[in-house]
């Protein structure tokens, strides 16, 4: 049986905490930067989160992580908002993003491109459809879910 990933463990531990705090768990990252490890927990709610929301979740999660001790190395815990370019990971994230401008990265090129940006017009378990603008013409690009490496809301300039 494969060993459970740190992010999966932390997500499972964080879910009841964020639910009690009235916020949503958006994402969990565990990354090494330089000599240090960072555990980043991203939360959100309608209207956005504030410092009090982040502080409540951070304190409760820190206490639980100290008690359960699922991470063998020293790390820095950061709890924050996902920001304007929020990642889209779960089907619900994609459904809520319909009508929004998004950026999608692929595992391998499709039509010679690995990244597409446009308005998300449709999503279901089989894939998503983006309205992509090239110069003055807009066309739809259908991307199978299995090809999506990453997706996030994007700021359009």
C-alpha atoms as a PDB file:
ATOM      1  CA  UNK A   1       0.000   0.000   0.000  1.00  0.00           C
ATOM      2  CA  UNK A   2       1.502   3.405  -0.973  1.00  0.00           C
ATOM      3  CA  UNK A   3       2.465   5.818   1.771  1.00  0.00           C
ATOM      4  CA  UNK A   4      -0.037   8.640   2.234  1.00  0.00           C
ATOM      5  CA  UNK A   5       1.170  12.058   1.057  1.00  0.00           C
ATOM      6  CA  UNK A   6       1.676  14.856   3.603  1.00  0.00           C
ATOM      7  CA  UNK A   7      -0.804  17.064   1.736  1.00  0.00           C
ATOM      8  CA  UNK A   8      -3.499  14.364   1.886  1.00  0.00           C
ATOM      9  CA  UNK A   9      -2.964  13.881   5.635  1.00  0.00           C
ATOM     10  CA  UNK A  10      -3.065  17.625   6.315  1.00  0.00           C
ATOM     11  CA  UNK A  11      -6.144  18.065   4.127  1.00  0.00           C
ATOM     12  CA  UNK A  12      -7.957  15.355   6.093  1.00  0.00           C
ATOM     13  CA  UNK A  13      -6.916  16.922   9.423  1.00  0.00           C
ATOM     14  CA  UNK A  14      -7.762  20.471   8.300  1.00  0.00           C
ATOM     15  CA  UNK A  15     -11.267  19.788   6.900  1.00  0.00           C
ATOM     16  CA  UNK A  16     -13.126  19.779  10.253  1.00  0.00           C
ATOM     17  CA  UNK A  17     -11.148  22.812  11.438  1.00  0.00           C
ATOM     18  CA  UNK A  18     -11.954  24.946   8.395  1.00  0.00           C
ATOM     19  CA  UNK A  19     -15.570  23.793   8.450  1.00  0.00           C
ATOM     20  CA  UNK A  20     -15.914  24.881  12.093  1.00  0.00           C
ATOM     21  CA  UNK A  21     -14.263  28.218  11.208  1.00  0.00           C
ATOM     22  CA  UNK A  22     -16.842  28.804   8.451  1.00  0.00           C
ATOM     23  CA  UNK A  23     -14.294  28.792   5.637  1.00  0.00           C
ATOM     24  CA  UNK A  24     -13.442  26.468   2.751  1.00  0.00           C
ATOM     25  CA  UNK A  25     -10.211  24.520   2.322  1.00  0.00           C
ATOM     26  CA  UNK A  26      -8.958  25.449  -1.156  1.00  0.00           C
ATOM     27  CA  UNK A  27      -5.545  23.803  -1.317  1.00  0.00           C
ATOM     28  CA  UNK A  28      -2.634  22.398   0.687  1.00  0.00           C
ATOM     29  CA  UNK A  29       0.995  22.616  -0.454  1.00  0.00           C
ATOM     30  CA  UNK A  30       4.082  21.097   1.128  1.00  0.00           C
ATOM     31  CA  UNK A  31       7.241  22.431  -0.527  1.00  0.00           C
ATOM     32  CA  UNK A  32      10.912  22.758   0.144  1.00  0.00           C
ATOM     33  CA  UNK A  33      12.291  26.216  -0.590  1.00  0.00           C
ATOM     34  CA  UNK A  34      15.995  26.599   0.007  1.00  0.00           C
ATOM     35  CA  UNK A  35      16.796  24.750   3.225  1.00  0.00           C
ATOM     36  CA  UNK A  36      13.284  25.075   4.687  1.00  0.00           C
ATOM     37  CA  UNK A  37      10.008  23.175   4.291  1.00  0.00           C
ATOM     38  CA  UNK A  38       6.725  25.101   4.052  1.00  0.00           C
ATOM     39  CA  UNK A  39       3.251  23.762   4.713  1.00  0.00           C
ATOM     40  CA  UNK A  40       0.807  26.170   3.088  1.00  0.00           C
ATOM     41  CA  UNK A  41      -2.900  25.906   3.686  1.00  0.00           C
ATOM     42  CA  UNK A  42      -5.148  28.079   1.535  1.00  0.00           C
ATOM     43  CA  UNK A  43      -8.643  28.971   2.751  1.00  0.00           C
ATOM     44  CA  UNK A  44     -11.462  31.090   1.362  1.00  0.00           C
ATOM     45  CA  UNK A  45     -15.077  32.099   1.874  1.00  0.00           C
ATOM     46  CA  UNK A  46     -17.554  34.300   0.012  1.00  0.00           C
ATOM     47  CA  UNK A  47     -16.258  37.838   0.296  1.00  0.00           C
ATOM     48  CA  UNK A  48     -12.755  36.583   1.120  1.00  0.00           C
ATOM     49  CA  UNK A  49     -10.952  35.661   4.303  1.00  0.00           C
ATOM     50  CA  UNK A  50      -9.352  38.078   6.752  1.00  0.00           C
ATOM     51  CA  UNK A  51      -6.474  37.847   9.218  1.00  0.00           C
ATOM     52  CA  UNK A  52      -8.791  36.629  11.983  1.00  0.00           C
ATOM     53  CA  UNK A  53      -9.978  33.698   9.809  1.00  0.00           C
ATOM     54  CA  UNK A  54      -6.385  32.769   8.964  1.00  0.00           C
ATOM     55  CA  UNK A  55      -5.304  33.113  12.598  1.00  0.00           C
ATOM     56  CA  UNK A  56      -8.113  30.885  13.942  1.00  0.00           C
ATOM     57  CA  UNK A  57      -7.401  28.147  11.392  1.00  0.00           C
ATOM     58  CA  UNK A  58      -3.628  28.431  11.862  1.00  0.00           C
ATOM     59  CA  UNK A  59      -3.823  28.146  15.652  1.00  0.00           C
ATOM     60  CA  UNK A  60      -6.220  25.166  15.651  1.00  0.00           C
ATOM     61  CA  UNK A  61      -4.357  23.366  12.855  1.00  0.00           C
ATOM     62  CA  UNK A  62      -0.965  23.988  14.453  1.00  0.00           C
ATOM     63  CA  UNK A  63      -2.187  22.471  17.728  1.00  0.00           C
ATOM     64  CA  UNK A  64      -3.591  19.408  15.926  1.00  0.00           C
ATOM     65  CA  UNK A  65      -0.443  18.942  13.831  1.00  0.00           C
ATOM     66  CA  UNK A  66       1.670  19.123  17.013  1.00  0.00           C
ATOM     67  CA  UNK A  67      -0.552  16.467  18.592  1.00  0.00           C
ATOM     68  CA  UNK A  68      -0.740  14.086  15.607  1.00  0.00           C
ATOM     69  CA  UNK A  69       2.809  14.846  14.371  1.00  0.00           C
ATOM     70  CA  UNK A  70       2.374  13.573  10.775  1.00  0.00           C
ATOM     71  CA  UNK A  71       5.375  15.468   9.372  1.00  0.00           C
ATOM     72  CA  UNK A  72       8.818  14.142  10.369  1.00  0.00           C
ATOM     73  CA  UNK A  73      10.778  17.287   9.479  1.00  0.00           C
ATOM     74  CA  UNK A  74      10.664  20.865  10.749  1.00  0.00           C
ATOM     75  CA  UNK A  75       8.447  23.164   8.655  1.00  0.00           C
ATOM     76  CA  UNK A  76       6.795  26.565   8.620  1.00  0.00           C
ATOM     77  CA  UNK A  77       2.976  26.602   8.655  1.00  0.00           C
ATOM     78  CA  UNK A  78       1.318  29.347   6.605  1.00  0.00           C
ATOM     79  CA  UNK A  79      -2.453  29.805   6.379  1.00  0.00           C
ATOM     80  CA  UNK A  80      -3.680  32.347   3.847  1.00  0.00           C
ATOM     81  CA  UNK A  81      -6.092  33.266   1.088  1.00  0.00           C
ATOM     82  CA  UNK A  82      -5.479  31.670  -2.311  1.00  0.00           C
ATOM     83  CA  UNK A  83      -5.458  35.158  -3.844  1.00  0.00           C
ATOM     84  CA  UNK A  84      -6.942  36.374  -7.105  1.00  0.00           C
ATOM     85  CA  UNK A  85      -5.473  33.480  -9.079  1.00  0.00           C
ATOM     86  CA  UNK A  86      -7.094  30.760  -7.010  1.00  0.00           C
ATOM     87  CA  UNK A  87      -6.311  27.187  -8.105  1.00  0.00           C
ATOM     88  CA  UNK A  88      -9.119  25.044  -9.505  1.00  0.00           C
ATOM     89  CA  UNK A  89      -8.742  21.505  -8.207  1.00  0.00           C
ATOM     90  CA  UNK A  90     -12.118  20.009  -7.391  1.00  0.00           C
ATOM     91  CA  UNK A  91     -15.129  19.649  -9.715  1.00  0.00           C
ATOM     92  CA  UNK A  92     -16.955  22.209  -7.542  1.00  0.00           C
ATOM     93  CA  UNK A  93     -14.134  24.731  -8.154  1.00  0.00           C
ATOM     94  CA  UNK A  94     -14.552  24.363 -11.920  1.00  0.00           C
ATOM     95  CA  UNK A  95     -18.357  24.616 -11.707  1.00  0.00           C
ATOM     96  CA  UNK A  96     -18.083  27.829  -9.668  1.00  0.00           C
ATOM     97  CA  UNK A  97     -15.572  29.248 -12.169  1.00  0.00           C
ATOM     98  CA  UNK A  98     -17.852  28.919 -15.213  1.00  0.00           C
ATOM     99  CA  UNK A  99     -17.973  32.362 -16.822  1.00  0.00           C
ATOM    100  CA  UNK A 100     -14.593  33.335 -15.354  1.00  0.00           C
ATOM    101  CA  UNK A 101     -11.259  33.822 -17.092  1.00  0.00           C
ATOM    102  CA  UNK A 102      -8.966  30.868 -16.330  1.00  0.00           C
ATOM    103  CA  UNK A 103      -5.529  29.542 -17.216  1.00  0.00           C
ATOM    104  CA  UNK A 104      -5.105  25.827 -17.876  1.00  0.00           C
ATOM    105  CA  UNK A 105      -1.770  23.981 -18.075  1.00  0.00           C
ATOM    106  CA  UNK A 106      -1.552  20.603 -19.782  1.00  0.00           C
ATOM    107  CA  UNK A 107       0.614  17.557 -19.174  1.00  0.00           C
ATOM    108  CA  UNK A 108       1.515  17.480 -22.875  1.00  0.00           C
ATOM    109  CA  UNK A 109       0.899  19.876 -25.783  1.00  0.00           C
ATOM    110  CA  UNK A 110      -2.432  19.983 -27.542  1.00  0.00           C
ATOM    111  CA  UNK A 111      -2.516  21.740 -30.907  1.00  0.00           C
ATOM    112  CA  UNK A 112       1.094  22.763 -30.220  1.00  0.00           C
ATOM    113  CA  UNK A 113       0.301  24.478 -26.885  1.00  0.00           C
ATOM    114  CA  UNK A 114       0.739  23.466 -23.252  1.00  0.00           C
ATOM    115  CA  UNK A 115      -1.132  26.449 -21.786  1.00  0.00           C
ATOM    116  CA  UNK A 116      -4.522  27.882 -22.656  1.00  0.00           C
ATOM    117  CA  UNK A 117      -6.276  30.940 -21.214  1.00  0.00           C
ATOM    118  CA  UNK A 118      -9.847  31.930 -21.797  1.00  0.00           C
ATOM    119  CA  UNK A 119     -13.332  32.047 -20.358  1.00  0.00           C
ATOM    120  CA  UNK A 120     -14.498  28.742 -18.914  1.00  0.00           C
ATOM    121  CA  UNK A 121     -17.810  28.063 -20.661  1.00  0.00           C
ATOM    122  CA  UNK A 122     -18.406  24.428 -19.705  1.00  0.00           C
ATOM    123  CA  UNK A 123     -17.128  21.790 -17.293  1.00  0.00           C
ATOM    124  CA  UNK A 124     -18.060  18.190 -16.567  1.00  0.00           C
ATOM    125  CA  UNK A 125     -16.131  15.114 -15.467  1.00  0.00           C
ATOM    126  CA  UNK A 126     -14.951  14.426 -19.026  1.00  0.00           C
ATOM    127  CA  UNK A 127     -13.443  17.831 -19.708  1.00  0.00           C
ATOM    128  CA  UNK A 128     -13.776  21.561 -19.989  1.00  0.00           C
ATOM    129  CA  UNK A 129     -14.438  24.077 -22.725  1.00  0.00           C
ATOM    130  CA  UNK A 130     -12.671  27.428 -22.937  1.00  0.00           C
ATOM    131  CA  UNK A 131     -13.595  30.382 -25.125  1.00  0.00           C
ATOM    132  CA  UNK A 132     -10.119  31.448 -26.254  1.00  0.00           C
ATOM    133  CA  UNK A 133      -9.572  34.761 -28.000  1.00  0.00           C
ATOM    134  CA  UNK A 134      -6.888  35.072 -30.692  1.00  0.00           C
ATOM    135  CA  UNK A 135      -6.479  38.638 -31.867  1.00  0.00           C
ATOM    136  CA  UNK A 136     -10.117  39.507 -32.704  1.00  0.00           C
ATOM    137  CA  UNK A 137     -11.640  36.053 -33.113  1.00  0.00           C
ATOM    138  CA  UNK A 138     -12.874  33.775 -30.329  1.00  0.00           C
ATOM    139  CA  UNK A 139     -12.967  30.011 -30.709  1.00  0.00           C
ATOM    140  CA  UNK A 140     -13.760  27.185 -28.308  1.00  0.00           C
ATOM    141  CA  UNK A 141     -11.125  24.721 -27.129  1.00  0.00           C
ATOM    142  CA  UNK A 142     -12.262  21.443 -25.579  1.00  0.00           C
ATOM    143  CA  UNK A 143      -9.727  19.964 -23.155  1.00  0.00           C
ATOM    144  CA  UNK A 144     -10.170  16.450 -21.725  1.00  0.00           C
ATOM    145  CA  UNK A 145      -9.881  16.368 -17.924  1.00  0.00           C
ATOM    146  CA  UNK A 146      -7.130  13.727 -18.091  1.00  0.00           C
ATOM    147  CA  UNK A 147      -4.872  16.204 -19.921  1.00  0.00           C
ATOM    148  CA  UNK A 148      -5.211  19.006 -17.336  1.00  0.00           C
ATOM    149  CA  UNK A 149      -2.088  19.360 -15.183  1.00  0.00           C
ATOM    150  CA  UNK A 150      -3.171  22.587 -13.466  1.00  0.00           C
ATOM    151  CA  UNK A 151      -5.905  25.182 -13.643  1.00  0.00           C
ATOM    152  CA  UNK A 152      -6.507  28.469 -11.888  1.00  0.00           C
ATOM    153  CA  UNK A 153      -8.506  31.648 -12.080  1.00  0.00           C
ATOM    154  CA  UNK A 154      -6.489  34.191 -14.012  1.00  0.00           C
ATOM    155  CA  UNK A 155      -6.311  37.957 -14.099  1.00  0.00           C
ATOM    156  CA  UNK A 156      -7.027  39.187 -17.599  1.00  0.00           C
ATOM    157  CA  UNK A 157      -5.015  42.154 -18.880  1.00  0.00           C
END
